[in-house]
N, C-alpha and C. Protein backbone atom coordinates (compact mmCIF):
# COMPACT_ATOMS: atom_id res chain seq x y z
N MET A 1 0.82 -1.19 0.00
CA MET A 1 0.00 0.00 0.00
C MET A 1 0.87 1.26 0.00
N ALA A 2 1.96 1.19 0.73
CA ALA A 2 2.85 2.35 0.80
C ALA A 2 3.50 2.62 -0.55
N VAL A 3 3.76 1.54 -1.30
CA VAL A 3 4.35 1.69 -2.63
C VAL A 3 3.36 2.37 -3.56
N LEU A 4 2.08 2.01 -3.46
CA LEU A 4 1.04 2.61 -4.30
C LEU A 4 0.89 4.10 -4.01
N ILE A 5 0.90 4.46 -2.73
CA ILE A 5 0.77 5.87 -2.36
C ILE A 5 2.00 6.65 -2.83
N ARG A 6 3.16 6.07 -2.68
CA ARG A 6 4.38 6.73 -3.14
C ARG A 6 4.36 6.90 -4.66
N SER A 7 3.90 5.88 -5.37
CA SER A 7 3.82 5.96 -6.84
C SER A 7 2.83 7.02 -7.27
N LEU A 8 1.68 7.08 -6.60
CA LEU A 8 0.70 8.13 -6.93
C LEU A 8 1.26 9.52 -6.64
N GLY A 9 1.99 9.66 -5.55
CA GLY A 9 2.60 10.94 -5.22
C GLY A 9 3.62 11.37 -6.27
N ILE A 10 4.42 10.43 -6.72
CA ILE A 10 5.41 10.73 -7.76
C ILE A 10 4.71 11.09 -9.06
N ALA A 11 3.65 10.34 -9.39
CA ALA A 11 2.90 10.62 -10.62
C ALA A 11 2.26 12.01 -10.56
N MET A 12 1.70 12.38 -9.43
CA MET A 12 1.09 13.71 -9.29
C MET A 12 2.15 14.81 -9.39
N LEU A 13 3.32 14.56 -8.84
CA LEU A 13 4.40 15.53 -8.92
C LEU A 13 4.84 15.73 -10.37
N ILE A 14 4.92 14.65 -11.13
CA ILE A 14 5.32 14.74 -12.54
C ILE A 14 4.27 15.49 -13.34
N VAL A 15 2.99 15.19 -13.10
CA VAL A 15 1.92 15.84 -13.84
C VAL A 15 1.87 17.33 -13.53
N LEU A 16 2.04 17.68 -12.26
CA LEU A 16 1.97 19.10 -11.88
C LEU A 16 3.18 19.91 -12.32
N SER A 17 4.31 19.25 -12.51
CA SER A 17 5.51 19.98 -12.91
C SER A 17 5.76 19.93 -14.41
N ALA A 18 4.81 19.42 -15.18
CA ALA A 18 4.99 19.32 -16.63
C ALA A 18 4.97 20.72 -17.25
N ALA A 19 5.81 20.90 -18.24
CA ALA A 19 5.90 22.17 -18.97
C ALA A 19 5.63 21.91 -20.45
N PRO A 20 5.31 22.95 -21.21
CA PRO A 20 5.10 22.74 -22.65
C PRO A 20 6.36 22.19 -23.32
N ALA A 21 6.15 21.44 -24.36
CA ALA A 21 7.27 20.82 -25.06
C ALA A 21 8.13 21.88 -25.74
N VAL A 22 9.43 21.76 -25.63
CA VAL A 22 10.36 22.70 -26.23
C VAL A 22 10.47 22.44 -27.73
N ALA A 23 10.07 21.26 -28.17
CA ALA A 23 10.22 20.88 -29.57
C ALA A 23 9.34 21.73 -30.49
N GLN A 24 8.38 22.43 -29.94
CA GLN A 24 7.49 23.22 -30.78
C GLN A 24 8.08 24.58 -31.13
N ASP A 25 9.15 24.97 -30.51
CA ASP A 25 9.79 26.24 -30.80
C ASP A 25 10.85 26.01 -31.89
N LEU A 26 10.54 26.42 -33.10
CA LEU A 26 11.44 26.18 -34.24
C LEU A 26 12.26 27.41 -34.60
N SER A 27 12.27 28.41 -33.76
CA SER A 27 12.99 29.63 -34.10
C SER A 27 14.50 29.43 -34.30
N PRO A 28 15.18 28.55 -33.55
CA PRO A 28 16.61 28.36 -33.85
C PRO A 28 16.84 27.80 -35.25
N ILE A 29 15.98 26.90 -35.69
CA ILE A 29 16.12 26.33 -37.03
C ILE A 29 15.82 27.38 -38.08
N ASP A 30 14.78 28.17 -37.85
CA ASP A 30 14.44 29.25 -38.78
C ASP A 30 15.59 30.26 -38.87
N ASN A 31 16.17 30.59 -37.73
CA ASN A 31 17.28 31.54 -37.72
C ASN A 31 18.49 31.00 -38.49
N PHE A 32 18.76 29.70 -38.32
CA PHE A 32 19.89 29.08 -39.02
C PHE A 32 19.71 29.18 -40.53
N PHE A 33 18.53 28.77 -41.03
CA PHE A 33 18.31 28.79 -42.47
C PHE A 33 18.23 30.21 -43.01
N GLN A 34 17.72 31.14 -42.22
CA GLN A 34 17.70 32.54 -42.64
C GLN A 34 19.12 33.08 -42.77
N THR A 35 20.00 32.72 -41.83
CA THR A 35 21.39 33.15 -41.88
C THR A 35 22.11 32.57 -43.08
N VAL A 36 21.87 31.28 -43.36
CA VAL A 36 22.49 30.65 -44.53
C VAL A 36 21.99 31.30 -45.81
N GLY A 37 20.69 31.55 -45.89
CA GLY A 37 20.13 32.20 -47.08
C GLY A 37 20.67 33.60 -47.28
N ASP A 38 20.80 34.34 -46.20
CA ASP A 38 21.36 35.69 -46.30
C ASP A 38 22.82 35.66 -46.73
N ALA A 39 23.56 34.67 -46.24
CA ALA A 39 24.98 34.57 -46.61
C ALA A 39 25.13 34.20 -48.08
N LEU A 40 24.27 33.32 -48.58
CA LEU A 40 24.39 32.90 -49.98
C LEU A 40 23.93 33.96 -50.97
N THR A 41 22.96 34.76 -50.59
CA THR A 41 22.46 35.79 -51.51
C THR A 41 23.01 37.18 -51.20
N GLY A 42 23.76 37.32 -50.13
CA GLY A 42 24.32 38.62 -49.77
C GLY A 42 25.69 38.83 -50.37
N THR A 43 26.47 39.64 -49.72
CA THR A 43 27.79 39.99 -50.25
C THR A 43 28.75 38.79 -50.26
N THR A 44 28.61 37.90 -49.28
CA THR A 44 29.47 36.72 -49.25
C THR A 44 29.18 35.82 -50.44
N GLY A 45 27.91 35.59 -50.70
CA GLY A 45 27.53 34.75 -51.85
C GLY A 45 27.91 35.38 -53.17
N ARG A 46 27.78 36.68 -53.26
CA ARG A 46 28.15 37.36 -54.50
C ARG A 46 29.66 37.28 -54.74
N ALA A 47 30.45 37.37 -53.66
CA ALA A 47 31.90 37.25 -53.81
C ALA A 47 32.28 35.84 -54.25
N ILE A 48 31.63 34.83 -53.68
CA ILE A 48 31.89 33.45 -54.08
C ILE A 48 31.49 33.24 -55.54
N GLY A 49 30.34 33.79 -55.93
CA GLY A 49 29.89 33.69 -57.32
C GLY A 49 30.83 34.39 -58.28
N LEU A 50 31.35 35.53 -57.86
CA LEU A 50 32.30 36.26 -58.70
C LEU A 50 33.58 35.45 -58.92
N VAL A 51 34.09 34.84 -57.86
CA VAL A 51 35.30 34.03 -57.98
C VAL A 51 35.03 32.80 -58.86
N ALA A 52 33.86 32.17 -58.68
CA ALA A 52 33.52 30.99 -59.50
C ALA A 52 33.40 31.37 -60.97
N LEU A 53 32.73 32.46 -61.25
CA LEU A 53 32.55 32.88 -62.64
C LEU A 53 33.87 33.34 -63.26
N ALA A 54 34.69 34.00 -62.49
CA ALA A 54 36.00 34.41 -63.00
C ALA A 54 36.88 33.18 -63.28
N GLY A 55 36.81 32.20 -62.38
CA GLY A 55 37.56 30.96 -62.60
C GLY A 55 37.11 30.23 -63.84
N VAL A 56 35.80 30.17 -64.05
CA VAL A 56 35.27 29.54 -65.27
C VAL A 56 35.71 30.32 -66.50
N GLY A 57 35.70 31.64 -66.39
CA GLY A 57 36.14 32.45 -67.52
C GLY A 57 37.59 32.21 -67.89
N VAL A 58 38.44 32.14 -66.90
CA VAL A 58 39.87 31.88 -67.16
C VAL A 58 40.05 30.49 -67.75
N LEU A 59 39.36 29.48 -67.19
CA LEU A 59 39.47 28.12 -67.71
C LEU A 59 38.91 28.02 -69.13
N PHE A 60 37.83 28.73 -69.39
CA PHE A 60 37.24 28.71 -70.73
C PHE A 60 38.15 29.41 -71.72
N LEU A 61 38.80 30.48 -71.28
CA LEU A 61 39.71 31.22 -72.13
C LEU A 61 40.92 30.38 -72.52
N THR A 62 41.42 29.58 -71.60
CA THR A 62 42.58 28.75 -71.88
C THR A 62 42.22 27.40 -72.48
N GLY A 63 40.94 27.12 -72.64
CA GLY A 63 40.51 25.88 -73.27
C GLY A 63 40.58 24.67 -72.35
N ARG A 64 40.53 24.86 -71.06
CA ARG A 64 40.64 23.75 -70.12
C ARG A 64 39.30 23.33 -69.54
N ILE A 65 38.21 23.92 -69.97
CA ILE A 65 36.88 23.56 -69.49
C ILE A 65 35.95 23.44 -70.69
N GLN A 66 35.00 22.53 -70.59
CA GLN A 66 34.06 22.34 -71.68
C GLN A 66 32.90 23.32 -71.55
N LEU A 67 32.21 23.50 -72.64
CA LEU A 67 31.10 24.45 -72.68
C LEU A 67 30.00 24.06 -71.69
N MET A 68 29.67 22.77 -71.61
CA MET A 68 28.59 22.34 -70.72
C MET A 68 28.94 22.58 -69.25
N ALA A 69 30.19 22.40 -68.87
CA ALA A 69 30.59 22.64 -67.48
C ALA A 69 30.50 24.13 -67.16
N SER A 70 30.91 24.97 -68.09
CA SER A 70 30.83 26.40 -67.83
C SER A 70 29.38 26.88 -67.80
N LEU A 71 28.54 26.31 -68.65
CA LEU A 71 27.12 26.67 -68.63
C LEU A 71 26.44 26.19 -67.35
N SER A 72 26.86 25.07 -66.81
CA SER A 72 26.26 24.59 -65.57
C SER A 72 26.62 25.50 -64.40
N VAL A 73 27.82 26.05 -64.38
CA VAL A 73 28.19 27.00 -63.33
C VAL A 73 27.35 28.28 -63.48
N ALA A 74 27.22 28.76 -64.70
CA ALA A 74 26.42 29.97 -64.93
C ALA A 74 24.96 29.74 -64.56
N LEU A 75 24.41 28.59 -64.92
CA LEU A 75 23.02 28.27 -64.58
C LEU A 75 22.85 28.14 -63.07
N GLY A 76 23.83 27.55 -62.40
CA GLY A 76 23.78 27.45 -60.95
C GLY A 76 23.75 28.81 -60.28
N LEU A 77 24.52 29.75 -60.79
CA LEU A 77 24.51 31.11 -60.24
C LEU A 77 23.18 31.80 -60.49
N VAL A 78 22.61 31.58 -61.66
CA VAL A 78 21.30 32.18 -61.97
C VAL A 78 20.24 31.63 -61.01
N ILE A 79 20.27 30.33 -60.77
CA ILE A 79 19.28 29.72 -59.86
C ILE A 79 19.52 30.21 -58.43
N LEU A 80 20.77 30.31 -58.01
CA LEU A 80 21.07 30.76 -56.65
C LEU A 80 20.57 32.17 -56.40
N TYR A 81 20.87 33.09 -57.31
CA TYR A 81 20.49 34.47 -57.08
C TYR A 81 19.03 34.75 -57.43
N GLY A 82 18.42 33.88 -58.21
CA GLY A 82 17.01 34.05 -58.53
C GLY A 82 16.10 33.17 -57.70
N ALA A 83 16.63 32.53 -56.67
CA ALA A 83 15.84 31.58 -55.87
C ALA A 83 14.64 32.24 -55.22
N ALA A 84 14.80 33.43 -54.70
CA ALA A 84 13.67 34.12 -54.04
C ALA A 84 12.57 34.41 -55.04
N THR A 85 12.92 34.83 -56.24
CA THR A 85 11.94 35.11 -57.28
C THR A 85 11.27 33.82 -57.76
N ILE A 86 12.08 32.76 -57.90
CA ILE A 86 11.54 31.49 -58.34
C ILE A 86 10.55 30.95 -57.32
N LEU A 87 10.91 30.99 -56.03
CA LEU A 87 10.00 30.51 -54.99
C LEU A 87 8.77 31.40 -54.86
N GLY A 88 8.94 32.69 -55.10
CA GLY A 88 7.78 33.57 -55.07
C GLY A 88 6.79 33.26 -56.17
N GLY A 89 7.27 32.72 -57.29
CA GLY A 89 6.39 32.34 -58.38
C GLY A 89 5.55 31.11 -58.10
N PHE A 90 6.03 30.27 -57.19
CA PHE A 90 5.27 29.08 -56.85
C PHE A 90 4.16 29.44 -55.90
């Protein structure tokens, strides 16, 4: 009987001390993806894109890259910087 009363007491203590689940707060995840998006489309992303495009230009000028590879880099940059517009269209 004492075990039952002790178990009920512990159960009541757990129920009364319950708090809302922390898993429902997604703001850290939202902040992370917002920061990544800002970095890719901001000045950091533009600098990376400039270096990539300049590198493709130099390789294309010297004949060390194929046309399809250079077009894929250019298309990737167009998709990266136009992502907000593309998603807004959906």
